[in-house]
């Protein structure tokens, strides 16, 4: 009887301590979900960069270079962030993300050529 009570109390205390210390919360992400999250983040930066680049090219055509400069800067920043993430993913999975890296480098070249600044 005492042993059963002792075990019950220890289990209860262990549960209380674990929950109190955050043990009841989800553990850190697995490696694969981290890579998937990074890939989604890079795709999101590419979408934002594309949107800014399209806007910049349209504004350059309509209102001139000065109106387009902030959008070129935003596009460059988004694409550089995406490029950094894809390069990290490419180190982890060699060759898999090379086409995306090439595409982003082409877009950065377009930004440099169209905007007139080398940033």
Protein backbone atom coordinates (compact mmCIF):
# COMPACT_ATOMS: atom_id res chain seq x y z
CA UNK A 1 0.00 0.00 0.00
CA UNK A 2 2.75 2.42 0.91
CA UNK A 3 4.68 1.62 -2.24
CA UNK A 4 1.61 2.28 -4.41
CA UNK A 5 0.99 5.60 -2.68
CA UNK A 6 4.67 6.52 -2.98
CA UNK A 7 4.70 5.74 -6.71
CA UNK A 8 1.47 7.67 -7.26
CA UNK A 9 2.83 10.74 -5.45
CA UNK A 10 6.14 10.60 -7.36
CA UNK A 11 4.35 10.28 -10.71
CA UNK A 12 2.10 13.19 -9.79
CA UNK A 13 5.10 15.31 -8.73
CA UNK A 14 7.00 14.38 -11.87
CA UNK A 15 4.05 15.41 -14.01
CA UNK A 16 3.63 18.68 -12.12
CA UNK A 17 7.33 19.49 -12.42
CA UNK A 18 7.43 18.59 -16.11
CA UNK A 19 4.39 20.70 -16.95
CA UNK A 20 5.66 23.53 -14.77
CA UNK A 21 9.01 23.54 -16.59
CA UNK A 22 7.44 23.69 -20.02
CA UNK A 23 7.73 19.96 -20.67
CA UNK A 24 4.11 19.84 -21.74
CA UNK A 25 4.84 22.16 -24.65
CA UNK A 26 5.93 21.00 -28.07
CA UNK A 27 9.63 20.38 -28.41
CA UNK A 28 11.81 22.18 -30.90
CA UNK A 29 11.16 21.62 -34.58
CA UNK A 30 12.59 18.64 -36.33
CA UNK A 31 15.31 19.24 -38.89
CA UNK A 32 13.05 18.44 -41.84
CA UNK A 33 10.36 20.89 -40.75
CA UNK A 34 13.08 23.53 -40.30
CA UNK A 35 14.19 23.06 -43.92
CA UNK A 36 10.58 23.17 -45.11
CA UNK A 37 9.96 26.33 -43.12
CA UNK A 38 13.08 27.92 -44.60
CA UNK A 39 11.97 26.96 -48.10
CA UNK A 40 8.52 28.50 -47.54
CA UNK A 41 10.16 31.65 -46.17
CA UNK A 42 12.41 31.92 -49.25
CA UNK A 43 9.42 31.43 -51.56
CA UNK A 44 7.58 34.20 -49.72
CA UNK A 45 10.56 36.56 -50.15
CA UNK A 46 10.63 35.69 -53.87
CA UNK A 47 6.93 36.54 -54.20
CA UNK A 48 7.43 39.87 -52.45
CA UNK A 49 10.50 40.57 -54.56
CA UNK A 50 8.62 39.78 -57.78
CA UNK A 51 5.79 42.08 -56.73
CA UNK A 52 8.22 44.92 -55.94
CA UNK A 53 10.16 44.37 -59.17
CA UNK A 54 7.00 44.46 -61.31
CA UNK A 55 5.88 47.64 -59.54
CA UNK A 56 9.31 49.22 -59.99
CA UNK A 57 9.42 48.44 -63.71
CA UNK A 58 5.89 49.79 -64.18
CA UNK A 59 6.65 52.98 -62.23
CA UNK A 60 9.90 53.50 -64.11
CA UNK A 61 7.95 53.34 -67.36
CA UNK A 62 5.15 55.66 -66.12
CA UNK A 63 6.84 58.19 -63.84
CA UNK A 64 10.58 57.77 -64.23
CA UNK A 65 13.52 56.38 -62.31
CA UNK A 66 13.07 58.38 -59.10
CA UNK A 67 9.59 56.99 -58.43
CA UNK A 68 10.80 53.43 -59.00
CA UNK A 69 13.96 53.51 -56.86
CA UNK A 70 12.33 52.52 -53.51
CA UNK A 71 10.69 49.52 -55.17
CA UNK A 72 13.96 48.45 -56.77
CA UNK A 73 15.61 48.64 -53.33
CA UNK A 74 12.82 46.57 -51.75
CA UNK A 75 13.02 43.98 -54.53
CA UNK A 76 16.80 43.75 -54.16
CA UNK A 77 16.48 43.24 -50.40
CA UNK A 78 13.83 40.53 -50.75
CA UNK A 79 15.80 38.67 -53.41
CA UNK A 80 19.02 38.87 -51.40
CA UNK A 81 17.25 37.38 -48.38
CA UNK A 82 15.79 34.60 -50.53
CA UNK A 83 19.19 33.98 -52.11
CA UNK A 84 20.81 33.59 -48.69
CA UNK A 85 18.19 31.08 -47.61
CA UNK A 86 18.42 29.10 -50.86
CA UNK A 87 22.22 29.03 -50.59
CA UNK A 88 21.90 27.61 -47.07
CA UNK A 89 19.41 25.01 -48.32
CA UNK A 90 21.71 24.20 -51.24
CA UNK A 91 24.56 23.50 -48.81
CA UNK A 92 22.30 21.04 -47.00
CA UNK A 93 20.85 19.49 -50.18
CA UNK A 94 23.56 19.96 -52.86
CA UNK A 95 22.24 20.80 -56.30
CA UNK A 96 18.55 20.72 -55.42
CA UNK A 97 18.11 24.49 -55.16
CA UNK A 98 20.64 25.51 -57.81
CA UNK A 99 17.95 26.47 -60.39
CA UNK A 100 16.29 28.80 -57.86
CA UNK A 101 19.64 30.37 -57.00
CA UNK A 102 20.32 30.97 -60.71
CA UNK A 103 16.87 32.50 -61.20
CA UNK A 104 17.31 34.86 -58.24
CA UNK A 105 20.77 35.87 -59.48
CA UNK A 106 19.19 36.70 -62.85
CA UNK A 107 16.57 38.85 -61.14
CA UNK A 108 19.25 40.66 -59.12
CA UNK A 109 21.10 41.32 -62.38
CA UNK A 110 17.89 42.73 -63.88
CA UNK A 111 17.43 45.00 -60.87
CA UNK A 112 21.01 46.25 -61.15
CA UNK A 113 20.67 46.85 -64.89
CA UNK A 114 17.25 48.55 -64.73
CA UNK A 115 17.79 50.59 -61.58
CA UNK A 116 21.18 51.99 -62.46
CA UNK A 117 22.66 51.44 -59.01
CA UNK A 118 24.91 48.61 -57.93
CA UNK A 119 23.81 48.68 -54.28
